[in-house]
PDB file of N, CA and C in Angstrom:
ATOM      1  N   MET A   1      93.561 107.953 125.422  1.00  0.00           N
ATOM      2  CA  MET A   1      93.955 108.683 124.224  1.00  0.00           C
ATOM      3  C   MET A   1      92.729 109.409 123.684  1.00  0.00           C
ATOM      4  N   ALA A   2      92.857 110.701 123.523  1.00  0.00           N
ATOM      5  CA  ALA A   2      91.767 111.505 122.970  1.00  0.00           C
ATOM      6  C   ALA A   2      92.165 111.971 121.570  1.00  0.00           C
ATOM      7  N   ARG A   3      91.242 111.900 120.654  1.00  0.00           N
ATOM      8  CA  ARG A   3      91.501 112.324 119.271  1.00  0.00           C
ATOM      9  C   ARG A   3      90.386 113.255 118.839  1.00  0.00           C
ATOM     10  N   ARG A   4      90.799 114.398 118.260  1.00  0.00           N
ATOM     11  CA  ARG A   4      89.830 115.365 117.741  1.00  0.00           C
ATOM     12  C   ARG A   4      90.218 115.762 116.326  1.00  0.00           C
ATOM     13  N   VAL A   5      89.216 115.991 115.510  1.00  0.00           N
ATOM     14  CA  VAL A   5      89.454 116.453 114.149  1.00  0.00           C
ATOM     15  C   VAL A   5      89.713 117.954 114.195  1.00  0.00           C
ATOM     16  N   LEU A   6      90.839 118.369 113.654  1.00  0.00           N
ATOM     17  CA  LEU A   6      91.146 119.791 113.560  1.00  0.00           C
ATOM     18  C   LEU A   6      90.685 120.360 112.226  1.00  0.00           C
ATOM     19  N   ASP A   7      90.829 119.557 111.163  1.00  0.00           N
ATOM     20  CA  ASP A   7      90.487 120.053 109.840  1.00  0.00           C
ATOM     21  C   ASP A   7      90.243 118.869 108.908  1.00  0.00           C
ATOM     22  N   HIS A   8      89.406 119.080 107.918  1.00  0.00           N
ATOM     23  CA  HIS A   8      89.205 118.087 106.857  1.00  0.00           C
ATOM     24  C   HIS A   8      89.088 118.836 105.542  1.00  0.00           C
ATOM     25  N   ASP A   9      89.898 118.431 104.563  1.00  0.00           N
ATOM     26  CA  ASP A   9      89.858 119.025 103.226  1.00  0.00           C
ATOM     27  C   ASP A   9      89.200 118.026 102.284  1.00  0.00           C
ATOM     28  N   PRO A  10      87.948 118.274 101.888  1.00  0.00           N
ATOM     29  CA  PRO A  10      87.257 117.314 101.022  1.00  0.00           C
ATOM     30  C   PRO A  10      87.885 117.204  99.634  1.00  0.00           C
ATOM     31  N   LEU A  11      88.608 118.225  99.199  1.00  0.00           N
ATOM     32  CA  LEU A  11      89.242 118.185  97.880  1.00  0.00           C
ATOM     33  C   LEU A  11      90.394 117.185  97.844  1.00  0.00           C
ATOM     34  N   THR A  12      91.235 117.181  98.869  1.00  0.00           N
ATOM     35  CA  THR A  12      92.389 116.274  98.904  1.00  0.00           C
ATOM     36  C   THR A  12      92.116 115.015  99.706  1.00  0.00           C
ATOM     37  N   GLY A  13      91.072 115.032 100.541  1.00  0.00           N
ATOM     38  CA  GLY A  13      90.778 113.892 101.407  1.00  0.00           C
ATOM     39  C   GLY A  13      91.656 113.839 102.646  1.00  0.00           C
ATOM     40  N   VAL A  14      92.375 114.935 102.935  1.00  0.00           N
ATOM     41  CA  VAL A  14      93.265 114.978 104.100  1.00  0.00           C
ATOM     42  C   VAL A  14      92.483 115.436 105.329  1.00  0.00           C
ATOM     43  N   THR A  15      92.588 114.648 106.396  1.00  0.00           N
ATOM     44  CA  THR A  15      92.007 115.015 107.689  1.00  0.00           C
ATOM     45  C   THR A  15      93.151 115.192 108.676  1.00  0.00           C
ATOM     46  N   THR A  16      93.124 116.306 109.409  1.00  0.00           N
ATOM     47  CA  THR A  16      94.153 116.588 110.404  1.00  0.00           C
ATOM     48  C   THR A  16      93.558 116.349 111.782  1.00  0.00           C
ATOM     49  N   TYR A  17      94.264 115.525 112.574  1.00  0.00           N
ATOM     50  CA  TYR A  17      93.804 115.161 113.910  1.00  0.00           C
ATOM     51  C   TYR A  17      94.740 115.720 114.981  1.00  0.00           C
ATOM     52  N   PHE A  18      94.159 116.027 116.121  1.00  0.00           N
ATOM     53  CA  PHE A  18      94.900 116.379 117.327  1.00  0.00           C
ATOM     54  C   PHE A  18      94.741 115.194 118.270  1.00  0.00           C
ATOM     55  N   ASP A  19      95.871 114.576 118.630  1.00  0.00           N
ATOM     56  CA  ASP A  19      95.850 113.426 119.531  1.00  0.00           C
ATOM     57  C   ASP A  19      96.501 113.806 120.856  1.00  0.00           C
ATOM     58  N   TYR A  20      95.857 113.397 121.950  1.00  0.00           N
ATOM     59  CA  TYR A  20      96.405 113.647 123.283  1.00  0.00           C
ATOM     60  C   TYR A  20      96.315 112.367 124.104  1.00  0.00           C
ATOM     61  N   ASP A  21      97.441 111.943 124.657  1.00  0.00           N
ATOM     62  CA  ASP A  21      97.500 110.751 125.493  1.00  0.00           C
ATOM     63  C   ASP A  21      97.440 111.188 126.956  1.00  0.00           C
ATOM     64  N   ASP A  22      96.329 110.846 127.633  1.00  0.00           N
ATOM     65  CA  ASP A  22      96.122 111.240 129.031  1.00  0.00           C
ATOM     66  C   ASP A  22      97.190 110.681 129.957  1.00  0.00           C
ATOM     67  N   VAL A  23      97.681 109.496 129.663  1.00  0.00           N
ATOM     68  CA  VAL A  23      98.635 108.828 130.542  1.00  0.00           C
ATOM     69  C   VAL A  23     100.026 109.470 130.440  1.00  0.00           C
ATOM     70  N   SER A  24     100.533 109.611 129.224  1.00  0.00           N
ATOM     71  CA  SER A  24     101.900 110.119 129.049  1.00  0.00           C
ATOM     72  C   SER A  24     101.954 111.637 128.902  1.00  0.00           C
ATOM     73  N   GLY A  25     100.817 112.244 128.572  1.00  0.00           N
ATOM     74  CA  GLY A  25     100.787 113.683 128.338  1.00  0.00           C
ATOM     75  C   GLY A  25     101.304 114.081 126.969  1.00  0.00           C
ATOM     76  N   LYS A  26     101.535 113.101 126.099  1.00  0.00           N
ATOM     77  CA  LYS A  26     102.065 113.388 124.762  1.00  0.00           C
ATOM     78  C   LYS A  26     100.971 113.911 123.840  1.00  0.00           C
ATOM     79  N   VAL A  27     101.375 114.851 123.001  1.00  0.00           N
ATOM     80  CA  VAL A  27     100.474 115.471 122.035  1.00  0.00           C
ATOM     81  C   VAL A  27     101.035 115.214 120.641  1.00  0.00           C
ATOM     82  N   ALA A  28     100.142 114.943 119.681  1.00  0.00           N
ATOM     83  CA  ALA A  28     100.573 114.742 118.294  1.00  0.00           C
ATOM     84  C   ALA A  28      99.533 115.327 117.354  1.00  0.00           C
ATOM     85  N   ILE A  29     100.007 115.916 116.290  1.00  0.00           N
ATOM     86  CA  ILE A  29      99.151 116.364 115.197  1.00  0.00           C
ATOM     87  C   ILE A  29      99.425 115.398 114.045  1.00  0.00           C
ATOM     88  N   THR A  30      98.361 114.792 113.523  1.00  0.00           N
ATOM     89  CA  THR A  30      98.509 113.752 112.511  1.00  0.00           C
ATOM     90  C   THR A  30      97.644 114.076 111.306  1.00  0.00           C
ATOM     91  N   ASP A  31      98.223 113.929 110.111  1.00  0.00           N
ATOM     92  CA  ASP A  31      97.467 114.068 108.870  1.00  0.00           C
ATOM     93  C   ASP A  31      97.205 112.681 108.311  1.00  0.00           C
ATOM     94  N   VAL A  32      95.956 112.420 107.958  1.00  0.00           N
ATOM     95  CA  VAL A  32      95.562 111.144 107.360  1.00  0.00           C
ATOM     96  C   VAL A  32      94.843 111.459 106.059  1.00  0.00           C
ATOM     97  N   GLN A  33      95.180 110.737 105.004  1.00  0.00           N
ATOM     98  CA  GLN A  33      94.555 110.984 103.715  1.00  0.00           C
ATOM     99  C   GLN A  33      93.908 109.718 103.188  1.00  0.00           C
ATOM    100  N   GLU A  34      92.676 109.832 102.763  1.00  0.00           N
ATOM    101  CA  GLU A  34      91.948 108.736 102.137  1.00  0.00           C
ATOM    102  C   GLU A  34      92.428 108.639 100.691  1.00  0.00           C
ATOM    103  N   VAL A  35      92.999 107.500 100.315  1.00  0.00           N
ATOM    104  CA  VAL A  35      93.605 107.374  98.985  1.00  0.00           C
ATOM    105  C   VAL A  35      92.945 106.318  98.102  1.00  0.00           C
ATOM    106  N   ASN A  36      91.872 105.701  98.567  1.00  0.00           N
ATOM    107  CA  ASN A  36      91.232 104.650  97.762  1.00  0.00           C
ATOM    108  C   ASN A  36      90.772 105.153  96.402  1.00  0.00           C
ATOM    109  N   ALA A  37      90.206 106.356  96.339  1.00  0.00           N
ATOM    110  CA  ALA A  37      89.739 106.909  95.061  1.00  0.00           C
ATOM    111  C   ALA A  37      90.921 107.136  94.112  1.00  0.00           C
ATOM    112  N   ILE A  38      92.054 107.581  94.650  1.00  0.00           N
ATOM    113  CA  ILE A  38      93.251 107.794  93.838  1.00  0.00           C
ATOM    114  C   ILE A  38      93.750 106.461  93.284  1.00  0.00           C
ATOM    115  N   LEU A  39      93.828 105.457  94.153  1.00  0.00           N
ATOM    116  CA  LEU A  39      94.294 104.136  93.708  1.00  0.00           C
ATOM    117  C   LEU A  39      93.370 103.540  92.656  1.00  0.00           C
ATOM    118  N   ASP A  40      92.062 103.694  92.844  1.00  0.00           N
ATOM    119  CA  ASP A  40      91.101 103.182  91.860  1.00  0.00           C
ATOM    120  C   ASP A  40      91.272 103.867  90.507  1.00  0.00           C
ATOM    121  N   SER A  41      91.467 105.204  90.532  1.00  0.00           N
ATOM    122  CA  SER A  41      91.575 105.940  89.270  1.00  0.00           C
ATOM    123  C   SER A  41      92.859 105.594  88.517  1.00  0.00           C
ATOM    124  N   VAL A  42      93.997 105.487  89.216  1.00  0.00           N
ATOM    125  CA  VAL A  42      95.244 105.159  88.505  1.00  0.00           C
ATOM    126  C   VAL A  42      95.261 103.706  88.047  1.00  0.00           C
ATOM    127  N   THR A  43      94.582 102.832  88.766  1.00  0.00           N
ATOM    128  CA  THR A  43      94.490 101.438  88.319  1.00  0.00           C
ATOM    129  C   THR A  43      93.743 101.368  86.993  1.00  0.00           C
ATOM    130  N   ALA A  44      92.643 102.117  86.879  1.00  0.00           N
ATOM    131  CA  ALA A  44      91.883 102.138  85.627  1.00  0.00           C
ATOM    132  C   ALA A  44      92.724 102.713  84.494  1.00  0.00           C
ATOM    133  N   LEU A  45      93.468 103.783  84.776  1.00  0.00           N
ATOM    134  CA  LEU A  45      94.326 104.385  83.741  1.00  0.00           C
ATOM    135  C   LEU A  45      95.456 103.443  83.347  1.00  0.00           C
ATOM    136  N   ARG A  46      96.045 102.775  84.318  1.00  0.00           N
ATOM    137  CA  ARG A  46      97.157 101.851  84.061  1.00  0.00           C
ATOM    138  C   ARG A  46      96.696 100.675  83.192  1.00  0.00           C
ATOM    139  N   ASN A  47      95.467 100.266  83.344  1.00  0.00           N
ATOM    140  CA  ASN A  47      94.932  99.143  82.572  1.00  0.00           C
ATOM    141  C   ASN A  47      94.536  99.531  81.156  1.00  0.00           C
ATOM    142  N   ASP A  48      94.530 100.827  80.838  1.00  0.00           N
ATOM    143  CA  ASP A  48      94.187 101.318  79.506  1.00  0.00           C
ATOM    144  C   ASP A  48      95.472 101.685  78.766  1.00  0.00           C
ATOM    145  N   GLU A  49      95.992 100.767  77.946  1.00  0.00           N
ATOM    146  CA  GLU A  49      97.256 101.003  77.240  1.00  0.00           C
ATOM    147  C   GLU A  49      97.195 102.220  76.334  1.00  0.00           C
ATOM    148  N   ASN A  50      96.066 102.475  75.734  1.00  0.00           N
ATOM    149  CA  ASN A  50      95.938 103.626  74.843  1.00  0.00           C
ATOM    150  C   ASN A  50      96.140 104.938  75.584  1.00  0.00           C
ATOM    151  N   TYR A  51      95.713 104.991  76.828  1.00  0.00           N
ATOM    152  CA  TYR A  51      95.857 106.232  77.608  1.00  0.00           C
ATOM    153  C   TYR A  51      97.325 106.623  77.717  1.00  0.00           C
ATOM    154  N   SER A  52      98.169 105.699  78.098  1.00  0.00           N
ATOM    155  CA  SER A  52      99.595 105.981  78.254  1.00  0.00           C
ATOM    156  C   SER A  52     100.259 106.262  76.904  1.00  0.00           C
ATOM    157  N   ASN A  53      99.970 105.445  75.902  1.00  0.00           N
ATOM    158  CA  ASN A  53     100.570 105.629  74.581  1.00  0.00           C
ATOM    159  C   ASN A  53     100.177 106.958  73.954  1.00  0.00           C
ATOM    160  N   ASP A  54      98.902 107.333  74.074  1.00  0.00           N
ATOM    161  CA  ASP A  54      98.437 108.608  73.525  1.00  0.00           C
ATOM    162  C   ASP A  54      99.112 109.783  74.234  1.00  0.00           C
ATOM    163  N   GLY A  55      99.289 109.664  75.524  1.00  0.00           N
ATOM    164  CA  GLY A  55      99.954 110.731  76.273  1.00  0.00           C
ATOM    165  C   GLY A  55     101.397 110.902  75.842  1.00  0.00           C
ATOM    166  N   ILE A  56     102.111 109.801  75.647  1.00  0.00           N
ATOM    167  CA  ILE A  56     103.509 109.860  75.207  1.00  0.00           C
ATOM    168  C   ILE A  56     103.587 110.504  73.817  1.00  0.00           C
ATOM    169  N   LYS A  57     102.686 110.119  72.912  1.00  0.00           N
ATOM    170  CA  LYS A  57     102.678 110.694  71.562  1.00  0.00           C
ATOM    171  C   LYS A  57     102.446 112.199  71.595  1.00  0.00           C
ATOM    172  N   ASN A  58     101.661 112.672  72.546  1.00  0.00           N
ATOM    173  CA  ASN A  58     101.325 114.094  72.640  1.00  0.00           C
ATOM    174  C   ASN A  58     102.215 114.852  73.625  1.00  0.00           C
ATOM    175  N   ASP A  59     103.334 114.241  74.029  1.00  0.00           N
ATOM    176  CA  ASP A  59     104.280 114.860  74.965  1.00  0.00           C
ATOM    177  C   ASP A  59     103.633 115.264  76.293  1.00  0.00           C
ATOM    178  N   GLN A  60     102.620 114.529  76.707  1.00  0.00           N
ATOM    179  CA  GLN A  60     101.983 114.792  77.994  1.00  0.00           C
ATOM    180  C   GLN A  60     101.673 113.462  78.678  1.00  0.00           C
ATOM    181  N   TRP A  61     102.715 112.795  79.095  1.00  0.00           N
ATOM    182  CA  TRP A  61     102.594 111.479  79.687  1.00  0.00           C
ATOM    183  C   TRP A  61     102.181 111.601  81.138  1.00  0.00           C
ATOM    184  N   HIS A  62     101.027 111.061  81.484  1.00  0.00           N
ATOM    185  CA  HIS A  62     100.552 111.028  82.867  1.00  0.00           C
ATOM    186  C   HIS A  62     101.195 109.817  83.522  1.00  0.00           C
ATOM    187  N   TYR A  63     102.208 110.063  84.332  1.00  0.00           N
ATOM    188  CA  TYR A  63     102.999 108.968  84.883  1.00  0.00           C
ATOM    189  C   TYR A  63     102.438 108.414  86.176  1.00  0.00           C
ATOM    190  N   ALA A  64     102.018 109.308  87.080  1.00  0.00           N
ATOM    191  CA  ALA A  64     101.525 108.857  88.384  1.00  0.00           C
ATOM    192  C   ALA A  64     100.640 109.929  88.997  1.00  0.00           C
ATOM    193  N   ARG A  65      99.862 109.506  89.952  1.00  0.00           N
ATOM    194  CA  ARG A  65      99.063 110.431  90.763  1.00  0.00           C
ATOM    195  C   ARG A  65      99.474 110.180  92.208  1.00  0.00           C
ATOM    196  N   ILE A  66     100.120 111.177  92.807  1.00  0.00           N
ATOM    197  CA  ILE A  66     100.737 110.991  94.116  1.00  0.00           C
ATOM    198  C   ILE A  66     100.001 111.811  95.166  1.00  0.00           C
ATOM    199  N   PRO A  67      99.430 111.154  96.172  1.00  0.00           N
ATOM    200  CA  PRO A  67      98.763 111.884  97.251  1.00  0.00           C
ATOM    201  C   PRO A  67      99.758 112.777  98.004  1.00  0.00           C
ATOM    202  N   LEU A  68      99.254 113.872  98.568  1.00  0.00           N
ATOM    203  CA  LEU A  68     100.109 114.820  99.279  1.00  0.00           C
ATOM    204  C   LEU A  68     100.892 114.157 100.410  1.00  0.00           C
ATOM    205  N   ASN A  69     100.248 113.288 101.153  1.00  0.00           N
ATOM    206  CA  ASN A  69     100.939 112.633 102.265  1.00  0.00           C
ATOM    207  C   ASN A  69     102.079 111.747 101.775  1.00  0.00           C
ATOM    208  N   VAL A  70     101.917 111.158 100.603  1.00  0.00           N
ATOM    209  CA  VAL A  70     102.991 110.328 100.050  1.00  0.00           C
ATOM    210  C   VAL A  70     104.152 111.217  99.601  1.00  0.00           C
ATOM    211  N   LEU A  71     103.854 112.393  99.035  1.00  0.00           N
ATOM    212  CA  LEU A  71     104.920 113.319  98.673  1.00  0.00           C
ATOM    213  C   LEU A  71     105.734 113.719  99.900  1.00  0.00           C
ATOM    214  N   MET A  72     105.043 113.997 101.005  1.00  0.00           N
ATOM    215  CA  MET A  72     105.750 114.342 102.236  1.00  0.00           C
ATOM    216  C   MET A  72     106.595 113.163 102.721  1.00  0.00           C
ATOM    217  N   GLU A  73     106.061 111.956 102.618  1.00  0.00           N
ATOM    218  CA  GLU A  73     106.791 110.761 103.031  1.00  0.00           C
ATOM    219  C   GLU A  73     108.025 110.542 102.155  1.00  0.00           C
ATOM    220  N   ILE A  74     107.897 110.778 100.857  1.00  0.00           N
ATOM    221  CA  ILE A  74     109.028 110.604  99.941  1.00  0.00           C
ATOM    222  C   ILE A  74     110.158 111.560 100.324  1.00  0.00           C
ATOM    223  N   GLU A  75     109.801 112.797 100.653  1.00  0.00           N
ATOM    224  CA  GLU A  75     110.838 113.751 101.066  1.00  0.00           C
ATOM    225  C   GLU A  75     111.495 113.320 102.376  1.00  0.00           C
ATOM    226  N   GLN A  76     110.674 112.927 103.350  1.00  0.00           N
ATOM    227  CA  GLN A  76     111.202 112.600 104.673  1.00  0.00           C
ATOM    228  C   GLN A  76     111.927 111.259 104.700  1.00  0.00           C
ATOM    229  N   LYS A  77     111.333 110.240 104.102  1.00  0.00           N
ATOM    230  CA  LYS A  77     111.859 108.877 104.200  1.00  0.00           C
ATOM    231  C   LYS A  77     112.964 108.585 103.187  1.00  0.00           C
ATOM    232  N   HIS A  78     112.821 109.148 101.978  1.00  0.00           N
ATOM    233  CA  HIS A  78     113.748 108.817 100.898  1.00  0.00           C
ATOM    234  C   HIS A  78     114.692 109.975 100.550  1.00  0.00           C
ATOM    235  N   GLY A  79     114.460 111.144 101.142  1.00  0.00           N
ATOM    236  CA  GLY A  79     115.339 112.286 100.913  1.00  0.00           C
ATOM    237  C   GLY A  79     115.275 112.874  99.521  1.00  0.00           C
ATOM    238  N   VAL A  80     114.154 112.688  98.827  1.00  0.00           N
ATOM    239  CA  VAL A  80     113.998 113.205  97.468  1.00  0.00           C
ATOM    240  C   VAL A  80     113.164 114.480  97.525  1.00  0.00           C
ATOM    241  N   LYS A  81     113.715 115.572  97.001  1.00  0.00           N
ATOM    242  CA  LYS A  81     112.984 116.838  96.989  1.00  0.00           C
ATOM    243  C   LYS A  81     111.840 116.761  95.986  1.00  0.00           C
ATOM    244  N   CYS A  82     110.630 116.985  96.456  1.00  0.00           N
ATOM    245  CA  CYS A  82     109.494 117.007  95.539  1.00  0.00           C
ATOM    246  C   CYS A  82     108.424 118.003  95.972  1.00  0.00           C
ATOM    247  N   MET A  83     108.585 118.622  97.122  1.00  0.00           N
ATOM    248  CA  MET A  83     107.597 119.591  97.574  1.00  0.00           C
ATOM    249  C   MET A  83     108.221 120.943  97.916  1.00  0.00           C
ATOM    250  N   SER A  84     109.497 120.974  98.129  1.00  0.00           N
ATOM    251  CA  SER A  84     110.139 122.227  98.521  1.00  0.00           C
ATOM    252  C   SER A  84     111.287 122.529  97.577  1.00  0.00           C
ATOM    253  N   GLY A  85     111.239 123.682  96.983  1.00  0.00           N
ATOM    254  CA  GLY A  85     112.318 124.043  96.068  1.00  0.00           C
ATOM    255  C   GLY A  85     112.238 123.291  94.759  1.00  0.00           C
ATOM    256  N   LYS A  86     113.388 122.968  94.207  1.00  0.00           N
ATOM    257  CA  LYS A  86     113.444 122.288  92.915  1.00  0.00           C
ATOM    258  C   LYS A  86     113.215 120.791  93.091  1.00  0.00           C
ATOM    259  N   THR A  87     112.329 120.252  92.268  1.00  0.00           N
ATOM    260  CA  THR A  87     112.010 118.824  92.324  1.00  0.00           C
ATOM    261  C   THR A  87     113.135 118.002  91.708  1.00  0.00           C
ATOM    262  N   ASP A  88     113.523 116.946  92.396  1.00  0.00           N
ATOM    263  CA  ASP A  88     114.497 115.973  91.892  1.00  0.00           C
ATOM    264  C   ASP A  88     113.705 114.925  91.111  1.00  0.00           C
ATOM    265  N   TRP A  89     113.480 115.184  89.816  1.00  0.00           N
ATOM    266  CA  TRP A  89     112.617 114.323  89.009  1.00  0.00           C
ATOM    267  C   TRP A  89     113.159 112.912  88.878  1.00  0.00           C
ATOM    268  N   LYS A  90     114.467 112.769  88.654  1.00  0.00           N
ATOM    269  CA  LYS A  90     115.048 111.425  88.532  1.00  0.00           C
ATOM    270  C   LYS A  90     114.857 110.643  89.823  1.00  0.00           C
ATOM    271  N   GLY A  91     115.097 111.284  90.947  1.00  0.00           N
ATOM    272  CA  GLY A  91     114.911 110.635  92.241  1.00  0.00           C
ATOM    273  C   GLY A  91     113.460 110.284  92.490  1.00  0.00           C
ATOM    274  N   LEU A  92     112.562 111.186  92.097  1.00  0.00           N
ATOM    275  CA  LEU A  92     111.126 110.940  92.295  1.00  0.00           C
ATOM    276  C   LEU A  92     110.662 109.754  91.454  1.00  0.00           C
ATOM    277  N   PHE A  93     111.065 109.694  90.186  1.00  0.00           N
ATOM    278  CA  PHE A  93     110.694 108.551  89.339  1.00  0.00           C
ATOM    279  C   PHE A  93     111.251 107.251  89.914  1.00  0.00           C
ATOM    280  N   ARG A  94     112.506 107.278  90.382  1.00  0.00           N
ATOM    281  CA  ARG A  94     113.133 106.081  90.961  1.00  0.00           C
ATOM    282  C   ARG A  94     112.347 105.588  92.174  1.00  0.00           C
ATOM    283  N   VAL A  95     111.986 106.501  93.071  1.00  0.00           N
ATOM    284  CA  VAL A  95     111.256 106.113  94.288  1.00  0.00           C
ATOM    285  C   VAL A  95     109.862 105.609  93.941  1.00  0.00           C
ATOM    286  N   ILE A  96     109.187 106.253  93.012  1.00  0.00           N
ATOM    287  CA  ILE A  96     107.850 105.789  92.606  1.00  0.00           C
ATOM    288  C   ILE A  96     107.953 104.378  92.025  1.00  0.00           C
ATOM    289  N   ASN A  97     108.917 104.169  91.131  1.00  0.00           N
ATOM    290  CA  ASN A  97     109.067 102.851  90.506  1.00  0.00           C
ATOM    291  C   ASN A  97     109.369 101.767  91.533  1.00  0.00           C
ATOM    292  N   GLN A  98     110.225 102.067  92.499  1.00  0.00           N
ATOM    293  CA  GLN A  98     110.654 101.055  93.463  1.00  0.00           C
ATOM    294  C   GLN A  98     109.669 100.844  94.610  1.00  0.00           C
ATOM    295  N   HIS A  99     109.098 101.925  95.123  1.00  0.00           N
ATOM    296  CA  HIS A  99     108.344 101.830  96.371  1.00  0.00           C
ATOM    297  C   HIS A  99     106.837 102.111  96.250  1.00  0.00           C
ATOM    298  N   TYR A 100     106.419 102.786  95.182  1.00  0.00           N
ATOM    299  CA  TYR A 100     105.012 103.165  95.064  1.00  0.00           C
ATOM    300  C   TYR A 100     104.444 102.856  93.672  1.00  0.00           C
ATOM    301  N   PRO A 101     104.662 101.665  93.140  1.00  0.00           N
ATOM    302  CA  PRO A 101     104.210 101.379  91.777  1.00  0.00           C
ATOM    303  C   PRO A 101     102.684 101.436  91.610  1.00  0.00           C
ATOM    304  N   LEU A 102     101.937 101.272  92.685  1.00  0.00           N
ATOM    305  CA  LEU A 102     100.472 101.324  92.574  1.00  0.00           C
ATOM    306  C   LEU A 102      99.961 102.732  92.296  1.00  0.00           C
ATOM    307  N   LEU A 103     100.816 103.740  92.436  1.00  0.00           N
ATOM    308  CA  LEU A 103     100.416 105.121  92.154  1.00  0.00           C
ATOM    309  C   LEU A 103     100.623 105.485  90.685  1.00  0.00           C
ATOM    310  N   LYS A 104     101.249 104.578  89.921  1.00  0.00           N
ATOM    311  CA  LYS A 104     101.530 104.861  88.515  1.00  0.00           C
ATOM    312  C   LYS A 104     100.287 104.694  87.655  1.00  0.00           C
ATOM    313  N   ALA A 105     100.158 105.595  86.660  1.00  0.00           N
ATOM    314  CA  ALA A 105      99.061 105.538  85.709  1.00  0.00           C
ATOM    315  C   ALA A 105      99.484 104.829  84.427  1.00  0.00           C
ATOM    316  N   THR A 106     100.615 104.127  84.496  1.00  0.00           N
ATOM    317  CA  THR A 106     101.171 103.452  83.325  1.00  0.00           C
ATOM    318  C   THR A 106     101.902 102.189  83.790  1.00  0.00           C
ATOM    319  N   THR A 107     102.104 101.270  82.865  1.00  0.00           N
ATOM    320  CA  THR A 107     102.922 100.091  83.174  1.00  0.00           C
ATOM    321  C   THR A 107     104.351 100.302  82.706  1.00  0.00           C
ATOM    322  N   LYS A 108     104.599 101.404  82.007  1.00  0.00           N
ATOM    323  CA  LYS A 108     105.928 101.695  81.488  1.00  0.00           C
ATOM    324  C   LYS A 108     106.813 102.293  82.582  1.00  0.00           C
ATOM    325  N   GLN A 109     108.120 102.319  82.348  1.00  0.00           N
ATOM    326  CA  GLN A 109     109.090 102.871  83.304  1.00  0.00           C
ATOM    327  C   GLN A 109     109.696 104.145  82.742  1.00  0.00           C
ATOM    328  N   HIS A 110     109.763 105.180  83.570  1.00  0.00           N
ATOM    329  CA  HIS A 110     110.479 106.402  83.197  1.00  0.00           C
ATOM    330  C   HIS A 110     111.764 106.421  83.996  1.00  0.00           C
ATOM    331  N   ALA A 111     112.878 106.613  83.302  1.00  0.00           N
ATOM    332  CA  ALA A 111     114.166 106.637  84.009  1.00  0.00           C
ATOM    333  C   ALA A 111     114.443 108.044  84.355  1.00  0.00           C
TER     334      ALA A 111
END
């Protein structure tokens, strides 16, 4: 198996790889995103109750920080539109609450 980096975006942390399997001849393009910094930042925000409460009072509630690869996964795996066309906000909140709670910047629930 040979793997080569095709691209790396330092802003998003997404690295695109070209994979080639010598035995089967299969080729794959894979995107991998480093999300530790995102998880660390939302954990700190989630632990600060004032951050969420102040945002709600000012009509600017920071609910979650979702990596690009997770948005693509939500569309593909859960069938919720969030990257193409009109966003299904109710569906997106439901999927975040059920499957990706570590991406939330709050302990509160948005229906």
